[in-house]
PDB file of all heavy atoms in Angstrom:
ATOM      1  N   ALA A   1      -1.518   3.261 -18.004  1.00  0.00           N
ATOM      2  CA  ALA A   1      -2.239   3.761 -16.845  1.00  0.00           C
ATOM      3  C   ALA A   1      -3.593   3.058 -16.656  1.00  0.00           C
ATOM      4  O   ALA A   1      -4.071   2.918 -15.524  1.00  0.00           O
ATOM      5  CB  ALA A   1      -2.482   5.259 -16.988  1.00  0.00           C
ATOM      6  N   LYS A   2      -4.251   2.648 -17.734  1.00  0.00           N
ATOM      7  CA  LYS A   2      -5.527   1.995 -17.592  1.00  0.00           C
ATOM      8  C   LYS A   2      -5.402   0.751 -16.723  1.00  0.00           C
ATOM      9  O   LYS A   2      -6.317   0.433 -15.978  1.00  0.00           O
ATOM     10  CB  LYS A   2      -6.083   1.633 -18.974  1.00  0.00           C
ATOM     11  CG  LYS A   2      -6.626   2.809 -19.747  1.00  0.00           C
ATOM     12  CD  LYS A   2      -7.296   2.403 -21.043  1.00  0.00           C
ATOM     13  CE  LYS A   2      -7.829   3.626 -21.815  1.00  0.00           C
ATOM     14  NZ  LYS A   2      -8.459   3.165 -23.089  1.00  0.00           N
ATOM     15  N   LYS A   3      -4.316   0.028 -16.835  1.00  0.00           N
ATOM     16  CA  LYS A   3      -4.088  -1.152 -16.022  1.00  0.00           C
ATOM     17  C   LYS A   3      -3.585  -0.810 -14.641  1.00  0.00           C
ATOM     18  O   LYS A   3      -3.834  -1.530 -13.648  1.00  0.00           O
ATOM     19  CB  LYS A   3      -3.064  -2.081 -16.698  1.00  0.00           C
ATOM     20  CG  LYS A   3      -3.557  -2.693 -17.982  1.00  0.00           C
ATOM     21  CD  LYS A   3      -2.495  -3.599 -18.629  1.00  0.00           C
ATOM     22  CE  LYS A   3      -2.971  -4.202 -19.923  1.00  0.00           C
ATOM     23  NZ  LYS A   3      -1.915  -5.087 -20.544  1.00  0.00           N
ATOM     24  N   PHE A   4      -2.921   0.378 -14.526  1.00  0.00           N
ATOM     25  CA  PHE A   4      -2.458   0.801 -13.205  1.00  0.00           C
ATOM     26  C   PHE A   4      -3.590   1.299 -12.338  1.00  0.00           C
ATOM     27  O   PHE A   4      -3.696   1.001 -11.093  1.00  0.00           O
ATOM     28  CB  PHE A   4      -1.452   1.945 -13.399  1.00  0.00           C
ATOM     29  CG  PHE A   4      -0.929   2.520 -12.105  1.00  0.00           C
ATOM     30  CD1 PHE A   4      -0.071   1.863 -11.284  1.00  0.00           C
ATOM     31  CD2 PHE A   4      -1.343   3.793 -11.731  1.00  0.00           C
ATOM     32  CE1 PHE A   4       0.384   2.385 -10.110  1.00  0.00           C
ATOM     33  CE2 PHE A   4      -0.872   4.396 -10.566  1.00  0.00           C
ATOM     34  CZ  PHE A   4      -0.025   3.651  -9.748  1.00  0.00           C
ATOM     35  N   PHE A   5      -4.531   2.061 -12.931  1.00  0.00           N
ATOM     36  CA  PHE A   5      -5.656   2.590 -12.163  1.00  0.00           C
ATOM     37  C   PHE A   5      -6.533   1.467 -11.594  1.00  0.00           C
ATOM     38  O   PHE A   5      -6.850   0.523 -12.314  1.00  0.00           O
ATOM     39  CB  PHE A   5      -6.495   3.525 -13.007  1.00  0.00           C
ATOM     40  CG  PHE A   5      -5.793   4.831 -13.390  1.00  0.00           C
ATOM     41  CD1 PHE A   5      -5.942   5.354 -14.644  1.00  0.00           C
ATOM     42  CD2 PHE A   5      -5.043   5.542 -12.419  1.00  0.00           C
ATOM     43  CE1 PHE A   5      -5.283   6.511 -15.000  1.00  0.00           C
ATOM     44  CE2 PHE A   5      -4.428   6.699 -12.770  1.00  0.00           C
ATOM     45  CZ  PHE A   5      -4.531   7.218 -14.065  1.00  0.00           C
ATOM     46  N   GLY A   6      -6.863   1.557 -10.305  1.00  0.00           N
ATOM     47  CA  GLY A   6      -7.687   0.534  -9.656  1.00  0.00           C
ATOM     48  C   GLY A   6      -6.861  -0.518  -9.007  1.00  0.00           C
ATOM     49  O   GLY A   6      -7.440  -1.472  -8.371  1.00  0.00           O
ATOM     50  N   SER A   7      -5.509  -0.486  -9.132  1.00  0.00           N
ATOM     51  CA  SER A   7      -4.687  -1.544  -8.517  1.00  0.00           C
ATOM     52  C   SER A   7      -4.509  -1.397  -7.004  1.00  0.00           C
ATOM     53  O   SER A   7      -4.030  -2.260  -6.345  1.00  0.00           O
ATOM     54  CB  SER A   7      -3.325  -1.567  -9.217  1.00  0.00           C
ATOM     55  OG  SER A   7      -2.645  -0.332  -9.084  1.00  0.00           O
ATOM     56  N   ARG A   8      -4.814  -0.180  -6.503  1.00  0.00           N
ATOM     57  CA  ARG A   8      -4.799   0.083  -5.041  1.00  0.00           C
ATOM     58  C   ARG A   8      -3.464  -0.275  -4.385  1.00  0.00           C
ATOM     59  O   ARG A   8      -3.397  -0.935  -3.339  1.00  0.00           O
ATOM     60  CB  ARG A   8      -5.961  -0.626  -4.373  1.00  0.00           C
ATOM     61  CG  ARG A   8      -7.315  -0.208  -4.833  1.00  0.00           C
ATOM     62  CD  ARG A   8      -8.458  -0.915  -4.121  1.00  0.00           C
ATOM     63  NE  ARG A   8      -8.463  -0.595  -2.707  1.00  0.00           N
ATOM     64  CZ  ARG A   8      -9.071   0.502  -2.200  1.00  0.00           C
ATOM     65  NH1 ARG A   8      -9.669   1.369  -3.002  1.00  0.00           N
ATOM     66  NH2 ARG A   8      -9.085   0.764  -0.913  1.00  0.00           N
ATOM     67  N   PRO A   9      -2.352   0.159  -4.974  1.00  0.00           N
ATOM     68  CA  PRO A   9      -1.075  -0.197  -4.350  1.00  0.00           C
ATOM     69  C   PRO A   9      -0.795   0.431  -3.005  1.00  0.00           C
ATOM     70  O   PRO A   9      -0.146  -0.192  -2.149  1.00  0.00           O
ATOM     71  CB  PRO A   9      -0.070   0.350  -5.370  1.00  0.00           C
ATOM     72  CG  PRO A   9      -0.745   1.465  -6.037  1.00  0.00           C
ATOM     73  CD  PRO A   9      -2.212   1.054  -6.118  1.00  0.00           C
ATOM     74  N   PHE A  10      -1.341   1.622  -2.754  1.00  0.00           N
ATOM     75  CA  PHE A  10      -1.059   2.288  -1.480  1.00  0.00           C
ATOM     76  C   PHE A  10      -1.642   1.546  -0.300  1.00  0.00           C
ATOM     77  O   PHE A  10      -0.991   1.393   0.749  1.00  0.00           O
ATOM     78  CB  PHE A  10      -1.489   3.746  -1.541  1.00  0.00           C
ATOM     79  CG  PHE A  10      -0.667   4.608  -2.452  1.00  0.00           C
ATOM     80  CD1 PHE A  10      -1.049   4.832  -3.798  1.00  0.00           C
ATOM     81  CD2 PHE A  10       0.528   5.143  -2.011  1.00  0.00           C
ATOM     82  CE1 PHE A  10      -0.283   5.567  -4.622  1.00  0.00           C
ATOM     83  CE2 PHE A  10       1.320   5.916  -2.842  1.00  0.00           C
ATOM     84  CZ  PHE A  10       0.902   6.151  -4.168  1.00  0.00           C
ATOM     85  N   SER A  11      -2.870   1.129  -0.421  1.00  0.00           N
ATOM     86  CA  SER A  11      -3.454   0.359   0.677  1.00  0.00           C
ATOM     87  C   SER A  11      -2.783  -0.973   0.887  1.00  0.00           C
ATOM     88  O   SER A  11      -2.573  -1.422   2.066  1.00  0.00           O
ATOM     89  CB  SER A  11      -4.975   0.158   0.490  1.00  0.00           C
ATOM     90  OG  SER A  11      -5.219  -0.436  -0.767  1.00  0.00           O
ATOM     91  N   GLN A  12      -2.332  -1.576  -0.190  1.00  0.00           N
ATOM     92  CA  GLN A  12      -1.501  -2.841  -0.095  1.00  0.00           C
ATOM     93  C   GLN A  12      -0.190  -2.558   0.649  1.00  0.00           C
ATOM     94  O   GLN A  12       0.212  -3.338   1.509  1.00  0.00           O
ATOM     95  CB  GLN A  12      -1.234  -3.402  -1.465  1.00  0.00           C
ATOM     96  CG  GLN A  12      -2.455  -3.944  -2.179  1.00  0.00           C
ATOM     97  CD  GLN A  12      -2.044  -4.506  -3.503  1.00  0.00           C
ATOM     98  OE1 GLN A  12      -1.330  -5.466  -3.631  1.00  0.00           O
ATOM     99  NE2 GLN A  12      -2.487  -3.896  -4.634  1.00  0.00           N
ATOM    100  N   ILE A  13       0.471  -1.423   0.250  1.00  0.00           N
ATOM    101  CA  ILE A  13       1.755  -1.111   0.921  1.00  0.00           C
ATOM    102  C   ILE A  13       1.516  -0.831   2.397  1.00  0.00           C
ATOM    103  O   ILE A  13       2.225  -1.360   3.280  1.00  0.00           O
ATOM    104  CB  ILE A  13       2.362   0.128   0.272  1.00  0.00           C
ATOM    105  CG1 ILE A  13       2.785  -0.165  -1.187  1.00  0.00           C
ATOM    106  CG2 ILE A  13       3.577   0.607   1.065  1.00  0.00           C
ATOM    107  CD1 ILE A  13       3.147   1.061  -2.022  1.00  0.00           C
ATOM    108  N   ASP A  14       0.470  -0.071   2.720  1.00  0.00           N
ATOM    109  CA  ASP A  14       0.187   0.255   4.105  1.00  0.00           C
ATOM    110  C   ASP A  14      -0.083  -0.989   4.916  1.00  0.00           C
ATOM    111  O   ASP A  14       0.382  -1.129   6.056  1.00  0.00           O
ATOM    112  CB  ASP A  14      -1.063   1.162   4.195  1.00  0.00           C
ATOM    113  CG  ASP A  14      -0.740   2.618   3.771  1.00  0.00           C
ATOM    114  OD1 ASP A  14       0.419   2.962   3.528  1.00  0.00           O
ATOM    115  OD2 ASP A  14      -1.693   3.379   3.563  1.00  0.00           O
ATOM    116  N   GLU A  15      -0.797  -1.944   4.341  1.00  0.00           N
ATOM    117  CA  GLU A  15      -1.085  -3.219   5.081  1.00  0.00           C
ATOM    118  C   GLU A  15       0.218  -3.970   5.372  1.00  0.00           C
ATOM    119  O   GLU A  15       0.435  -4.494   6.483  1.00  0.00           O
ATOM    120  CB  GLU A  15      -2.063  -4.069   4.255  1.00  0.00           C
ATOM    121  CG  GLU A  15      -2.446  -5.389   4.905  1.00  0.00           C
ATOM    122  CD  GLU A  15      -3.461  -6.148   4.091  1.00  0.00           C
ATOM    123  OE1 GLU A  15      -4.116  -5.550   3.205  1.00  0.00           O
ATOM    124  OE2 GLU A  15      -3.567  -7.384   4.303  1.00  0.00           O
ATOM    125  N   ALA A  16       1.087  -4.038   4.376  1.00  0.00           N
ATOM    126  CA  ALA A  16       2.372  -4.756   4.517  1.00  0.00           C
ATOM    127  C   ALA A  16       3.279  -4.022   5.502  1.00  0.00           C
ATOM    128  O   ALA A  16       4.004  -4.719   6.263  1.00  0.00           O
ATOM    129  CB  ALA A  16       3.057  -4.949   3.157  1.00  0.00           C
ATOM    130  N   VAL A  17       3.326  -2.751   5.444  1.00  0.00           N
ATOM    131  CA  VAL A  17       4.141  -1.958   6.374  1.00  0.00           C
ATOM    132  C   VAL A  17       3.714  -2.209   7.800  1.00  0.00           C
ATOM    133  O   VAL A  17       4.533  -2.374   8.743  1.00  0.00           O
ATOM    134  CB  VAL A  17       4.092  -0.443   5.997  1.00  0.00           C
ATOM    135  CG1 VAL A  17       4.653   0.449   7.134  1.00  0.00           C
ATOM    136  CG2 VAL A  17       4.890  -0.157   4.740  1.00  0.00           C
ATOM    137  N   ALA A  18       2.404  -2.175   8.011  1.00  0.00           N
ATOM    138  CA  ALA A  18       1.875  -2.444   9.349  1.00  0.00           C
ATOM    139  C   ALA A  18       2.208  -3.879   9.825  1.00  0.00           C
ATOM    140  O   ALA A  18       2.594  -4.123  10.948  1.00  0.00           O
ATOM    141  CB  ALA A  18       0.355  -2.208   9.363  1.00  0.00           C
ATOM    142  N   ALA A  19       2.054  -4.830   8.910  1.00  0.00           N
ATOM    143  CA  ALA A  19       2.317  -6.240   9.300  1.00  0.00           C
ATOM    144  C   ALA A  19       3.830  -6.426   9.660  1.00  0.00           C
ATOM    145  O   ALA A  19       4.156  -7.305  10.460  1.00  0.00           O
ATOM    146  CB  ALA A  19       1.958  -7.136   8.112  1.00  0.00           C
ATOM    147  N   ALA A  20       4.686  -5.625   9.006  1.00  0.00           N
ATOM    148  CA  ALA A  20       6.127  -5.690   9.325  1.00  0.00           C
ATOM    149  C   ALA A  20       6.464  -4.991  10.641  1.00  0.00           C
ATOM    150  O   ALA A  20       7.642  -5.046  11.074  1.00  0.00           O
ATOM    151  CB  ALA A  20       6.905  -5.119   8.185  1.00  0.00           C
ATOM    152  N   GLY A  21       5.510  -4.294  11.251  1.00  0.00           N
ATOM    153  CA  GLY A  21       5.783  -3.632  12.493  1.00  0.00           C
ATOM    154  C   GLY A  21       6.336  -2.213  12.345  1.00  0.00           C
ATOM    155  O   GLY A  21       6.826  -1.601  13.360  1.00  0.00           O
ATOM    156  N   HIS A  22       6.319  -1.684  11.123  1.00  0.00           N
ATOM    157  CA  HIS A  22       6.845  -0.338  10.897  1.00  0.00           C
ATOM    158  C   HIS A  22       5.802   0.711  11.198  1.00  0.00           C
ATOM    159  O   HIS A  22       4.567   0.445  11.106  1.00  0.00           O
ATOM    160  CB  HIS A  22       7.279  -0.140   9.445  1.00  0.00           C
ATOM    161  CG  HIS A  22       8.386  -1.040   9.026  1.00  0.00           C
ATOM    162  ND1 HIS A  22       9.611  -1.028   9.628  1.00  0.00           N
ATOM    163  CD2 HIS A  22       8.470  -1.930   7.983  1.00  0.00           C
ATOM    164  CE1 HIS A  22      10.414  -1.967   9.020  1.00  0.00           C
ATOM    165  NE2 HIS A  22       9.723  -2.448   8.030  1.00  0.00           N
ATOM    166  N   ALA A  23       6.235   1.929  11.510  1.00  0.00           N
ATOM    167  CA  ALA A  23       5.354   3.045  11.617  1.00  0.00           C
ATOM    168  C   ALA A  23       4.702   3.293  10.205  1.00  0.00           C
ATOM    169  O   ALA A  23       5.383   3.108   9.214  1.00  0.00           O
ATOM    170  CB  ALA A  23       6.030   4.308  12.087  1.00  0.00           C
ATOM    171  N   PRO A  24       3.447   3.730  10.174  1.00  0.00           N
ATOM    172  CA  PRO A  24       2.826   3.916   8.852  1.00  0.00           C
ATOM    173  C   PRO A  24       3.450   5.100   8.096  1.00  0.00           C
ATOM    174  O   PRO A  24       4.058   5.974   8.693  1.00  0.00           O
ATOM    175  CB  PRO A  24       1.378   4.275   9.209  1.00  0.00           C
ATOM    176  CG  PRO A  24       1.400   4.774  10.631  1.00  0.00           C
ATOM    177  CD  PRO A  24       2.547   4.009  11.298  1.00  0.00           C
ATOM    178  N   VAL A  25       3.365   4.981   6.776  1.00  0.00           N
ATOM    179  CA  VAL A  25       3.810   6.107   5.895  1.00  0.00           C
ATOM    180  C   VAL A  25       2.681   7.056   5.666  1.00  0.00           C
ATOM    181  O   VAL A  25       1.581   6.608   5.375  1.00  0.00           O
ATOM    182  CB  VAL A  25       4.296   5.523   4.539  1.00  0.00           C
ATOM    183  CG1 VAL A  25       4.674   6.670   3.593  1.00  0.00           C
ATOM    184  CG2 VAL A  25       5.438   4.561   4.699  1.00  0.00           C
ATOM    185  N   ASP A  26       2.949   8.324   5.901  1.00  0.00           N
ATOM    186  CA  ASP A  26       1.925   9.387   5.563  1.00  0.00           C
ATOM    187  C   ASP A  26       2.227   9.806   4.115  1.00  0.00           C
ATOM    188  O   ASP A  26       3.187  10.503   3.879  1.00  0.00           O
ATOM    189  CB  ASP A  26       2.067  10.547   6.539  1.00  0.00           C
ATOM    190  CG  ASP A  26       0.969  11.589   6.298  1.00  0.00           C
ATOM    191  OD1 ASP A  26       0.222  11.454   5.339  1.00  0.00           O
ATOM    192  OD2 ASP A  26       0.898  12.497   7.092  1.00  0.00           O
TER     193      ASP A  26
END
């Protein structure tokens, strides 16, 4: 978890989802 924390995966996913033209994930 120490390496996982701070990785900010959700904002990365949101950016990629938007770039793909998908509706955002809530």
